[in-house]
Amino acid sequence: MPALAKIFDDRKYMWDGEVYETKEEAQTVVEKYQQDGFETKIVEEEGKFLVYNRREVETQ
């Protein structure tokens, strides 16, 4: 099972819980996350692709 969280550039990203067969599938999901204001990373593990994302919490 992939790690639920990973650190990239001193920032914590959370796995979205899905395993994608191709990088293209993962990229389609990443584009949707980015439209919603998330920072994203695609990670390849054992020939599959994982999407990790994060978003700054806005305090009001």
Protein backbone atom coordinates (compact mmCIF):
# COMPACT_ATOMS: atom_id res chain seq x y z
CA MET A 1 0.00 0.00 0.00
CA PRO A 2 1.37 3.46 -0.89
CA ALA A 3 2.26 5.99 1.79
CA LEU A 4 -0.73 8.12 2.80
CA ALA A 5 1.49 11.20 2.98
CA LYS A 6 4.82 12.26 1.47
CA ILE A 7 7.03 15.28 1.94
CA PHE A 8 8.15 17.23 -1.15
CA ASP A 9 10.17 20.43 -0.73
CA ASP A 10 9.39 20.51 3.02
CA ARG A 11 5.64 20.40 2.33
CA LYS A 12 3.28 17.56 3.22
CA TYR A 13 1.18 16.10 0.39
CA MET A 14 -1.60 13.56 0.87
CA TRP A 15 -2.28 10.60 -1.45
CA ASP A 16 -5.71 10.77 -3.12
CA GLY A 17 -6.26 7.05 -2.52
CA GLU A 18 -6.31 5.96 -6.17
CA VAL A 19 -3.80 4.01 -8.25
CA TYR A 20 -3.65 5.05 -11.92
CA GLU A 21 -2.52 2.67 -14.66
CA THR A 22 -1.06 5.40 -16.90
CA LYS A 23 0.58 8.76 -16.42
CA GLU A 24 -2.07 10.26 -18.71
CA GLU A 25 -4.85 9.13 -16.34
CA ALA A 26 -2.99 10.64 -13.40
CA GLN A 27 -2.39 13.88 -15.33
CA THR A 28 -6.13 14.24 -16.05
CA VAL A 29 -6.85 13.99 -12.32
CA VAL A 30 -4.02 16.41 -11.49
CA GLU A 31 -5.49 19.03 -13.82
CA LYS A 32 -8.83 18.84 -11.96
CA TYR A 33 -7.10 19.20 -8.58
CA GLN A 34 -5.12 22.18 -9.86
CA GLN A 35 -8.31 23.88 -11.07
CA ASP A 36 -9.60 23.51 -7.50
CA GLY A 37 -6.50 25.23 -6.09
CA PHE A 38 -4.43 22.21 -5.06
CA GLU A 39 -0.68 21.77 -5.49
CA THR A 40 -0.02 18.31 -6.93
CA LYS A 41 2.69 15.72 -7.49
CA ILE A 42 2.62 12.53 -9.58
CA VAL A 43 4.69 9.65 -8.22
CA GLU A 44 5.48 6.45 -10.13
CA GLU A 45 5.68 3.29 -8.00
CA GLU A 46 6.02 -0.20 -9.44
CA GLY A 47 4.81 0.91 -12.86
CA LYS A 48 1.66 2.58 -11.50
CA PHE A 49 1.02 6.25 -10.86
CA LEU A 50 -0.09 7.93 -7.65
CA VAL A 51 -1.35 11.48 -7.18
CA TYR A 52 -0.42 13.45 -4.08
CA ASN A 53 -1.92 16.85 -3.42
CA ARG A 54 -2.03 19.66 -0.87
CA ARG A 55 -3.77 22.95 -0.37
CA GLU A 56 -3.04 25.73 2.07
CA VAL A 57 -5.74 26.11 4.70
CA GLU A 58 -7.17 29.60 4.62
CA THR A 59 -8.06 31.05 7.99
CA GLN A 60 -10.67 33.74 8.17
